[in-house]
Amino acid sequence: MLKIEKIGVIGGGTMGSGIAQVFAMAGYPVLVQDLAEPALDRARKTVETSLSRLVKKGTLTEAKAAQAMALIATTTVFDLMDDRDLVIEAIVEKVEIKTELLKRLDGICRHDAVFASNTSSISLTELAAASAHPGRVIGMHFFNPVPMMQLVEIIRALQTTDAVSDAVTDLTLAIGKTPRVSKDSYGFIVNRLLAPQINEAINCVYEGLATAEDIDSMMKLGANHPMGPLALGDLIGLDVVLNIMETLYQGFDDPKYRASPLLKQMVAAGYLGRKTGKGFAEYHQR
């Protein structure tokens, strides 16, 4: 049975810092690597703020928050990942960059280390093929905000071994998350269903059928959704939604996954949602 104790996270952005936090809260030592110190400073601050919020809510003690923070180390030195049992990448959604990263990890990590990708839609089979040991590559798709969202999609590449799949599934349970395993496919399960729904809501705005506010209200009142699809797109990031739609469209070669012209225009304009202060609604930047 694979023994996973030391965790590495590559990428200190929103997802990477959230992933580091949940592992540290579960008692795992985590090393976060990013290219520059300012990114790592932001990651540490993000985790500190999140832990403080949990303390204020009464769901975490100050002592537990301090213990979690002490378990997170940061570095700009990639080669320090050499002693990690599991390395999770949470970097830009570009297949060529992710495959290059896997090749670099092959050069420094033990042959039995597990490589996981937090990709939201890229084929794990394609990523695994870039590794010298493809059987150890697997998908661990966390959802934003990571500390709050319960699901982790475990995606098995065609090459992933049973031992790796079982170990990662057990680990996901150990950090208090709910694993659900699927075969590899573009967009996996959640985003294959979710992104086209958001895209179709954008098409409804594009065609002038109703206002964005009314479309979201209809889906909340009529389908009992806690959040409308356009507000959800703003939360996820419209650039991320476009990236997923393009991955689905190119992967399946099916016109039903064609991105809305309005979605493309909004991304080109820099109207990405909450993170830029403007999407289908306007948001006050903190």
Protein backbone atom coordinates (compact mmCIF):
# COMPACT_ATOMS: atom_id res chain seq x y z
CA MET A 1 0.00 0.00 0.00
CA LEU A 2 1.36 3.42 -0.93
CA LYS A 3 2.21 5.58 2.07
CA ILE A 4 1.54 9.28 1.53
CA GLU A 5 2.77 11.58 4.30
CA LYS A 6 4.61 14.53 2.76
CA ILE A 7 2.68 16.73 0.34
CA GLY A 8 4.01 19.06 -2.34
CA VAL A 9 1.88 21.70 -4.04
CA ILE A 10 3.13 23.47 -7.16
CA GLY A 11 1.41 26.81 -7.68
CA GLY A 12 0.56 29.24 -4.90
CA GLY A 13 -2.56 30.76 -6.41
CA THR A 14 -6.13 30.50 -5.17
CA MET A 15 -6.38 26.74 -5.72
CA GLY A 16 -2.84 25.91 -4.62
CA SER A 17 -3.12 27.83 -1.35
CA GLY A 18 -6.52 26.26 -0.65
CA ILE A 19 -5.17 22.76 -1.29
CA ALA A 20 -2.20 23.44 0.99
CA GLN A 21 -4.56 24.65 3.72
CA VAL A 22 -6.80 21.56 3.74
CA PHE A 23 -3.82 19.18 3.90
CA ALA A 24 -2.19 21.20 6.69
CA MET A 25 -5.46 21.30 8.65
CA ALA A 26 -5.50 17.50 8.43
CA GLY A 27 -1.95 17.32 9.86
CA TYR A 28 0.09 16.80 6.69
CA PRO A 29 3.32 18.77 6.17
CA VAL A 30 3.01 20.74 2.93
CA LEU A 31 5.64 22.40 0.76
CA VAL A 32 4.26 25.01 -1.66
CA GLN A 33 6.44 25.96 -4.63
CA ASP A 34 5.97 28.94 -6.91
CA LEU A 35 8.22 30.92 -9.22
CA ALA A 36 8.48 34.11 -7.16
CA GLU A 37 8.38 35.14 -3.49
CA PRO A 38 5.52 37.63 -3.95
CA ALA A 39 3.25 34.79 -5.10
CA LEU A 40 4.25 32.76 -2.05
CA ASP A 41 3.66 35.75 0.23
CA ARG A 42 0.14 36.06 -1.19
CA ALA A 43 -0.41 32.32 -0.68
CA ARG A 44 0.61 32.52 2.98
CA LYS A 45 -1.61 35.55 3.50
CA THR A 46 -4.54 33.81 1.83
CA VAL A 47 -4.21 30.79 4.14
CA GLU A 48 -3.80 32.98 7.22
CA THR A 49 -6.94 34.94 6.33
CA SER A 50 -8.93 31.77 5.67
CA LEU A 51 -7.84 30.17 8.96
CA SER A 52 -8.64 33.37 10.86
CA ARG A 53 -12.11 33.37 9.36
CA LEU A 54 -12.67 29.81 10.57
CA VAL A 55 -11.47 30.77 14.05
CA LYS A 56 -13.91 33.71 14.16
CA LYS A 57 -16.74 31.39 13.11
CA GLY A 58 -15.83 29.03 15.96
CA THR A 59 -15.19 26.07 13.66
CA LEU A 60 -11.44 26.05 14.36
CA THR A 61 -9.43 26.84 17.49
CA GLU A 62 -6.56 29.31 17.45
CA ALA A 63 -4.20 26.48 18.43
CA LYS A 64 -5.32 24.32 15.49
CA ALA A 65 -4.98 27.27 13.12
CA ALA A 66 -1.43 27.89 14.35
CA GLN A 67 -0.59 24.19 13.96
CA ALA A 68 -1.88 24.19 10.39
CA MET A 69 0.05 27.33 9.49
CA ALA A 70 3.24 25.81 10.95
CA LEU A 71 2.88 22.78 8.66
CA ILE A 72 3.02 24.92 5.49
CA ALA A 73 6.46 25.78 4.10
CA THR A 74 7.09 27.70 0.88
CA THR A 75 9.92 27.78 -1.62
CA THR A 76 10.88 29.00 -5.07
CA VAL A 77 13.26 26.02 -5.47
CA PHE A 78 11.59 23.36 -7.60
CA ASP A 79 14.10 20.61 -6.74
CA LEU A 80 12.98 20.61 -3.09
CA MET A 81 10.00 18.54 -4.23
CA ASP A 82 12.37 15.55 -4.36
CA ASP A 83 11.28 14.14 -0.97
CA ARG A 84 7.51 14.49 -1.44
CA ASP A 85 5.25 11.41 -1.46
CA LEU A 86 2.55 13.26 -3.40
CA VAL A 87 3.01 16.32 -5.61
CA ILE A 88 -0.14 18.17 -6.71
CA GLU A 89 0.13 20.72 -9.50
CA ALA A 90 -2.25 23.67 -9.49
CA ILE A 91 -0.76 25.78 -12.25
CA VAL A 92 -2.08 27.37 -15.43
CA GLU A 93 -4.50 25.29 -17.53
CA LYS A 94 -2.14 24.74 -20.45
CA VAL A 95 -1.44 21.15 -21.41
CA GLU A 96 2.06 21.90 -22.71
CA ILE A 97 3.08 23.58 -19.44
CA LYS A 98 1.65 20.78 -17.32
CA THR A 99 3.34 18.05 -19.35
CA GLU A 100 6.69 19.84 -19.10
CA LEU A 101 6.19 20.03 -15.34
CA LEU A 102 5.57 16.29 -15.10
CA LYS A 103 8.77 15.61 -17.01
CA ARG A 104 10.70 17.84 -14.59
CA LEU A 105 9.19 16.00 -11.63
CA ASP A 106 10.26 12.67 -13.16
CA GLY A 107 13.83 13.94 -13.01
CA ILE A 108 13.86 14.71 -9.29
CA CYS A 109 11.21 12.61 -7.50
CA ARG A 110 11.31 9.00 -6.32
CA HIS A 111 9.89 6.45 -8.72
CA ASP A 112 7.05 5.69 -6.27
CA ALA A 113 6.00 9.32 -5.70
CA VAL A 114 2.47 10.11 -6.88
CA PHE A 115 1.80 13.02 -9.26
CA ALA A 116 -1.67 14.58 -9.16
CA SER A 117 -3.11 17.31 -11.34
CA ASN A 118 -5.79 19.74 -10.19
CA THR A 119 -6.79 20.35 -13.81
CA SER A 120 -10.47 21.08 -14.29
CA SER A 121 -10.83 19.67 -17.80
CA ILE A 122 -7.57 18.53 -19.47
CA SER A 123 -7.21 14.83 -20.31
CA LEU A 124 -5.31 13.00 -17.57
CA THR A 125 -4.40 10.29 -20.07
CA GLU A 126 -2.59 12.88 -22.17
CA LEU A 127 -0.80 14.27 -19.12
CA ALA A 128 0.19 10.82 -17.87
CA ALA A 129 1.70 9.96 -21.24
CA ALA A 130 4.30 12.69 -20.64
CA SER A 131 5.61 10.95 -17.51
CA ALA A 132 8.26 8.24 -17.46
CA HIS A 133 6.00 6.44 -14.95
CA PRO A 134 2.47 7.14 -16.26
CA GLY A 135 0.82 4.78 -13.78
CA ARG A 136 1.48 7.20 -10.93
CA VAL A 137 -0.35 10.14 -12.54
CA ILE A 138 -3.90 10.89 -11.42
CA GLY A 139 -6.36 13.78 -11.25
CA MET A 140 -7.37 15.42 -7.96
CA HIS A 141 -9.83 18.09 -8.98
CA PHE A 142 -10.62 20.31 -6.00
CA PHE A 143 -13.33 22.97 -6.17
CA ASN A 144 -13.15 26.64 -5.20
CA PRO A 145 -13.14 27.65 -2.39
CA VAL A 146 -11.16 24.52 -1.49
CA PRO A 147 -11.57 24.69 2.31
CA MET A 148 -15.37 24.89 1.95
CA MET A 149 -16.19 22.62 -0.99
CA GLN A 150 -16.63 18.96 -0.10
CA LEU A 151 -16.06 17.19 -3.41
CA VAL A 152 -12.76 16.06 -4.90
CA GLU A 153 -13.08 14.47 -8.33
CA ILE A 154 -10.57 11.63 -8.59
CA ILE A 155 -9.85 11.10 -12.27
CA ARG A 156 -8.14 7.94 -13.40
CA ALA A 157 -6.01 8.25 -16.50
CA LEU A 158 -6.04 5.21 -18.75
CA GLN A 159 -2.61 4.42 -17.27
CA THR A 160 -3.33 5.08 -13.57
CA THR A 161 -2.69 2.02 -11.37
CA ASP A 162 -5.21 0.66 -8.90
CA ALA A 163 -2.72 1.23 -6.07
CA VAL A 164 -2.41 4.94 -6.88
CA SER A 165 -6.17 5.36 -7.27
CA ASP A 166 -6.86 3.60 -3.96
CA ALA A 167 -4.18 5.57 -2.10
CA VAL A 168 -5.39 8.94 -3.37
CA THR A 169 -9.02 8.05 -2.62
CA ASP A 170 -8.11 7.10 0.96
CA LEU A 171 -6.05 10.26 1.33
CA THR A 172 -8.98 12.39 0.19
CA LEU A 173 -11.11 10.83 2.92
CA ALA A 174 -8.32 11.45 5.44
CA ILE A 175 -8.40 15.21 4.78
CA GLY A 176 -12.14 15.31 5.33
CA LYS A 177 -13.22 15.54 1.70
CA THR A 178 -15.57 13.33 -0.31
CA PRO A 179 -13.87 11.53 -3.22
CA ARG A 180 -15.78 10.47 -6.30
CA VAL A 181 -13.86 8.51 -8.93
CA SER A 182 -14.41 8.79 -12.66
CA LYS A 183 -12.73 7.63 -15.82
CA ASP A 184 -10.77 10.16 -17.81
CA SER A 185 -12.79 12.32 -20.18
CA TYR A 186 -12.63 15.97 -21.22
CA GLY A 187 -14.21 18.05 -18.47
CA PHE A 188 -14.70 14.90 -16.32
CA ILE A 189 -18.20 14.95 -14.76
CA VAL A 190 -18.90 18.23 -12.96
CA ASN A 191 -17.50 20.64 -15.54
CA ARG A 192 -18.82 18.62 -18.47
CA LEU A 193 -22.30 19.25 -17.05
CA LEU A 194 -21.75 22.66 -15.47
CA ALA A 195 -19.79 24.67 -18.05
CA PRO A 196 -22.27 24.09 -20.91
CA GLN A 197 -25.11 25.21 -18.63
CA ILE A 198 -23.28 28.46 -17.84
CA ASN A 199 -22.44 28.85 -21.53
CA GLU A 200 -26.09 28.41 -22.52
CA ALA A 201 -27.17 30.99 -19.94
CA ILE A 202 -24.66 33.39 -21.54
CA ASN A 203 -26.21 32.64 -24.94
CA CYS A 204 -29.60 33.60 -23.51
CA VAL A 205 -28.16 37.00 -22.56
CA TYR A 206 -26.48 37.28 -25.97
CA GLU A 207 -29.80 36.64 -27.73
CA GLY A 208 -31.56 39.20 -25.56
CA LEU A 209 -34.04 36.69 -24.14
CA ALA A 210 -33.85 38.11 -20.61
CA THR A 211 -31.54 40.06 -18.33
CA ALA A 212 -28.71 38.30 -16.54
CA GLU A 213 -30.41 39.02 -13.23
CA ASP A 214 -33.69 37.48 -14.39
CA ILE A 215 -32.02 34.40 -15.87
CA ASP A 216 -30.26 33.73 -12.57
CA SER A 217 -33.49 34.34 -10.66
CA MET A 218 -35.38 31.90 -12.88
CA MET A 219 -32.84 29.13 -12.28
CA LYS A 220 -32.88 29.74 -8.53
CA LEU A 221 -36.66 29.86 -8.26
CA GLY A 222 -37.50 27.31 -10.95
CA ALA A 223 -34.71 24.77 -10.60
CA ASN A 224 -33.91 25.33 -6.89
CA HIS A 225 -30.30 26.21 -7.66
CA PRO A 226 -28.59 28.02 -4.77
CA MET A 227 -26.86 30.36 -7.24
CA GLY A 228 -27.75 31.35 -10.79
CA PRO A 229 -25.49 30.11 -13.63
CA LEU A 230 -24.26 33.60 -14.54
CA ALA A 231 -23.38 34.48 -10.96
CA LEU A 232 -21.62 31.13 -10.74
CA GLY A 233 -19.69 31.89 -13.93
CA ASP A 234 -18.59 35.18 -12.40
CA LEU A 235 -17.47 33.33 -9.26
CA ILE A 236 -15.53 30.67 -11.17
CA GLY A 237 -14.05 33.22 -13.59
CA LEU A 238 -15.35 33.65 -17.12
CA ASP A 239 -11.87 32.99 -18.48
CA VAL A 240 -11.94 29.61 -16.73
CA VAL A 241 -15.39 28.87 -18.16
CA LEU A 242 -14.14 29.73 -21.65
CA ASN A 243 -11.08 27.53 -21.17
CA ILE A 244 -13.28 24.59 -20.17
CA MET A 245 -15.64 25.11 -23.11
CA GLU A 246 -12.73 25.24 -25.55
CA THR A 247 -11.29 22.05 -24.05
CA LEU A 248 -14.65 20.29 -24.43
CA TYR A 249 -15.11 21.60 -27.97
CA GLN A 250 -11.64 20.59 -29.14
CA GLY A 251 -11.64 17.29 -27.24
CA PHE A 252 -15.02 15.98 -28.39
CA ASP A 253 -15.11 17.82 -31.74
CA ASP A 254 -18.80 18.43 -31.05
CA PRO A 255 -20.52 21.75 -31.90
CA LYS A 256 -22.75 21.52 -28.81
CA TYR A 257 -19.70 22.64 -26.81
CA ARG A 258 -19.08 25.77 -28.90
CA ALA A 259 -18.37 28.76 -26.63
CA SER A 260 -20.86 31.63 -26.71
CA PRO A 261 -19.68 34.64 -28.74
CA LEU A 262 -20.56 36.84 -25.74
CA LEU A 263 -18.37 34.72 -23.46
CA LYS A 264 -15.43 35.21 -25.82
CA GLN A 265 -16.10 38.95 -26.00
CA MET A 266 -16.28 39.37 -22.24
CA VAL A 267 -13.02 37.51 -21.71
CA ALA A 268 -11.37 39.62 -24.43
CA ALA A 269 -12.63 42.76 -22.66
CA GLY A 270 -11.22 41.58 -19.32
CA TYR A 271 -14.68 41.22 -17.76
CA LEU A 272 -13.87 37.99 -15.97
CA GLY A 273 -16.24 38.19 -13.02
CA ARG A 274 -15.52 38.67 -9.33
CA LYS A 275 -11.74 38.65 -9.68
CA THR A 276 -11.78 41.70 -11.97
CA GLY A 277 -14.78 43.43 -10.40
CA LYS A 278 -17.00 43.08 -13.46
CA GLY A 279 -18.73 40.20 -15.19
CA PHE A 280 -22.46 39.72 -15.52
CA ALA A 281 -22.68 41.85 -12.37
CA GLU A 282 -20.34 44.40 -10.81
CA TYR A 283 -18.38 43.60 -7.66
CA HIS A 284 -16.58 45.78 -5.15
CA GLN A 285 -12.90 44.84 -5.07
CA ARG A 286 -11.47 44.24 -1.63
